[in-house]
Amino acid sequence: MIYAEFNLYGITDVPYISTMVSIDSSYWQEWNVRLTDSSIDINFGNETRKLHYQEIEYINRPTCDSIKKKIQNTSKCASFLIIDYRGKKQL
């Protein structure tokens, strides 16, 4: 069942955002997001990501002011949400 569907701008696969020096605006993409019974489905470009709820570790964790300002400046949005999740490890 789909509970909500909306569009937003997002960035994925940013490891350790709290220690990142640069968040490049070229990574921001328009997303179509669906909230379902078991996951958050993110569609962008020709790609779909399924983020299962059990993979989520933290939602909207506090960040330092410099990271907040960098996100706001590169995304051109005053509000943002950070979702930490366990992804597949790649070598």
C-alpha atoms as a PDB file:
ATOM      1  CA  MET A   1       0.000   0.000   0.000  1.00  0.00           C
ATOM      2  CA  ILE A   2       1.252   3.502  -0.817  1.00  0.00           C
ATOM      3  CA  TYR A   3       0.670   5.963   2.027  1.00  0.00           C
ATOM      4  CA  ALA A   4       2.166   9.070   0.433  1.00  0.00           C
ATOM      5  CA  GLU A   5       3.870  10.191  -2.761  1.00  0.00           C
ATOM      6  CA  PHE A   6       5.751  13.453  -3.200  1.00  0.00           C
ATOM      7  CA  ASN A   7       8.604  15.138  -5.081  1.00  0.00           C
ATOM      8  CA  LEU A   8      11.689  16.670  -3.521  1.00  0.00           C
ATOM      9  CA  TYR A   9      15.400  17.228  -4.134  1.00  0.00           C
ATOM     10  CA  GLY A  10      17.779  14.750  -2.588  1.00  0.00           C
ATOM     11  CA  ILE A  11      21.288  13.398  -2.469  1.00  0.00           C
ATOM     12  CA  THR A  12      22.249   9.776  -1.788  1.00  0.00           C
ATOM     13  CA  ASP A  13      25.319   7.847  -0.766  1.00  0.00           C
ATOM     14  CA  VAL A  14      26.952  10.589   1.280  1.00  0.00           C
ATOM     15  CA  PRO A  15      29.155   8.810   3.812  1.00  0.00           C
ATOM     16  CA  TYR A  16      29.804  10.569   7.088  1.00  0.00           C
ATOM     17  CA  ILE A  17      27.963  13.786   6.267  1.00  0.00           C
ATOM     18  CA  SER A  18      28.892  15.247   9.647  1.00  0.00           C
ATOM     19  CA  THR A  19      32.589  15.253   8.704  1.00  0.00           C
ATOM     20  CA  MET A  20      32.283  16.112   5.007  1.00  0.00           C
ATOM     21  CA  VAL A  21      34.057  19.285   4.015  1.00  0.00           C
ATOM     22  CA  SER A  22      32.202  19.705   0.723  1.00  0.00           C
ATOM     23  CA  ILE A  23      28.705  18.794  -0.405  1.00  0.00           C
ATOM     24  CA  ASP A  24      28.699  19.496  -4.129  1.00  0.00           C
ATOM     25  CA  SER A  25      25.474  20.907  -5.600  1.00  0.00           C
ATOM     26  CA  SER A  26      25.922  18.740  -8.716  1.00  0.00           C
ATOM     27  CA  TYR A  27      24.834  15.670  -6.747  1.00  0.00           C
ATOM     28  CA  TRP A  28      21.356  16.999  -5.915  1.00  0.00           C
ATOM     29  CA  GLN A  29      18.636  15.343  -7.981  1.00  0.00           C
ATOM     30  CA  GLU A  30      14.893  15.611  -8.233  1.00  0.00           C
ATOM     31  CA  TRP A  31      13.263  12.618  -6.586  1.00  0.00           C
ATOM     32  CA  ASN A  32       9.833  11.061  -6.628  1.00  0.00           C
ATOM     33  CA  VAL A  33       9.352   9.423  -3.212  1.00  0.00           C
ATOM     34  CA  ARG A  34       6.733   6.884  -2.140  1.00  0.00           C
ATOM     35  CA  LEU A  35       6.098   5.774   1.430  1.00  0.00           C
ATOM     36  CA  THR A  36       4.834   2.190   1.477  1.00  0.00           C
ATOM     37  CA  ASP A  37       4.111  -0.464   4.101  1.00  0.00           C
ATOM     38  CA  SER A  38       7.709  -1.675   4.199  1.00  0.00           C
ATOM     39  CA  SER A  39       9.948   0.911   2.572  1.00  0.00           C
ATOM     40  CA  ILE A  40      10.695   4.350   1.213  1.00  0.00           C
ATOM     41  CA  ASP A  41      10.908   4.043  -2.579  1.00  0.00           C
ATOM     42  CA  ILE A  42      13.052   6.726  -4.190  1.00  0.00           C
ATOM     43  CA  ASN A  43      12.918   7.203  -7.971  1.00  0.00           C
ATOM     44  CA  PHE A  44      15.448   9.486  -9.642  1.00  0.00           C
ATOM     45  CA  GLY A  45      16.598   9.481 -13.242  1.00  0.00           C
ATOM     46  CA  ASN A  46      16.433   5.886 -14.459  1.00  0.00           C
ATOM     47  CA  GLU A  47      17.203   4.510 -11.015  1.00  0.00           C
ATOM     48  CA  THR A  48      15.013   3.310  -8.152  1.00  0.00           C
ATOM     49  CA  ARG A  49      16.219   2.836  -4.585  1.00  0.00           C
ATOM     50  CA  LYS A  50      14.250   0.928  -1.993  1.00  0.00           C
ATOM     51  CA  LEU A  51      15.141   1.898   1.560  1.00  0.00           C
ATOM     52  CA  HIS A  52      13.567  -0.654   3.906  1.00  0.00           C
ATOM     53  CA  TYR A  53      12.482   0.734   7.262  1.00  0.00           C
ATOM     54  CA  GLN A  54      14.605  -1.775   9.209  1.00  0.00           C
ATOM     55  CA  GLU A  55      17.726  -0.286   7.498  1.00  0.00           C
ATOM     56  CA  ILE A  56      17.056   3.179   8.949  1.00  0.00           C
ATOM     57  CA  GLU A  57      19.275   3.993  11.899  1.00  0.00           C
ATOM     58  CA  TYR A  58      18.523   7.655  12.588  1.00  0.00           C
ATOM     59  CA  ILE A  59      16.171  10.304  11.239  1.00  0.00           C
ATOM     60  CA  ASN A  60      17.010  13.997  11.391  1.00  0.00           C
ATOM     61  CA  ARG A  61      20.036  13.673  13.625  1.00  0.00           C
ATOM     62  CA  PRO A  62      21.619  16.903  14.827  1.00  0.00           C
ATOM     63  CA  THR A  63      24.445  18.332  12.727  1.00  0.00           C
ATOM     64  CA  CYS A  64      26.810  21.238  13.237  1.00  0.00           C
ATOM     65  CA  ASP A  65      25.852  24.669  11.891  1.00  0.00           C
ATOM     66  CA  SER A  66      28.480  24.610   9.138  1.00  0.00           C
ATOM     67  CA  ILE A  67      27.034  21.383   7.664  1.00  0.00           C
ATOM     68  CA  LYS A  68      23.473  22.778   7.946  1.00  0.00           C
ATOM     69  CA  LYS A  69      24.482  25.923   6.064  1.00  0.00           C
ATOM     70  CA  LYS A  70      26.322  23.923   3.399  1.00  0.00           C
ATOM     71  CA  ILE A  71      23.252  21.729   2.816  1.00  0.00           C
ATOM     72  CA  GLN A  72      20.961  24.774   2.658  1.00  0.00           C
ATOM     73  CA  ASN A  73      23.286  26.603   0.258  1.00  0.00           C
ATOM     74  CA  THR A  74      23.824  23.697  -2.141  1.00  0.00           C
ATOM     75  CA  SER A  75      20.226  22.450  -2.114  1.00  0.00           C
ATOM     76  CA  LYS A  76      18.669  25.955  -2.226  1.00  0.00           C
ATOM     77  CA  CYS A  77      16.191  24.765   0.420  1.00  0.00           C
ATOM     78  CA  ALA A  78      15.722  26.153   3.920  1.00  0.00           C
ATOM     79  CA  SER A  79      14.454  22.854   5.341  1.00  0.00           C
ATOM     80  CA  PHE A  80      16.068  19.452   5.056  1.00  0.00           C
ATOM     81  CA  LEU A  81      15.900  15.960   6.518  1.00  0.00           C
ATOM     82  CA  ILE A  82      18.832  13.602   7.024  1.00  0.00           C
ATOM     83  CA  ILE A  83      18.156   9.862   7.088  1.00  0.00           C
ATOM     84  CA  ASP A  84      21.009   7.613   8.213  1.00  0.00           C
ATOM     85  CA  TYR A  85      20.702   4.053   6.981  1.00  0.00           C
ATOM     86  CA  ARG A  86      22.730   0.893   6.639  1.00  0.00           C
ATOM     87  CA  GLY A  87      23.683   0.468   3.017  1.00  0.00           C
ATOM     88  CA  LYS A  88      25.448  -2.318   1.234  1.00  0.00           C
ATOM     89  CA  LYS A  89      29.171  -2.178   1.814  1.00  0.00           C
ATOM     90  CA  GLN A  90      31.234  -1.805  -1.315  1.00  0.00           C
ATOM     91  CA  LEU A  91      34.962  -2.426  -1.614  1.00  0.00           C
END
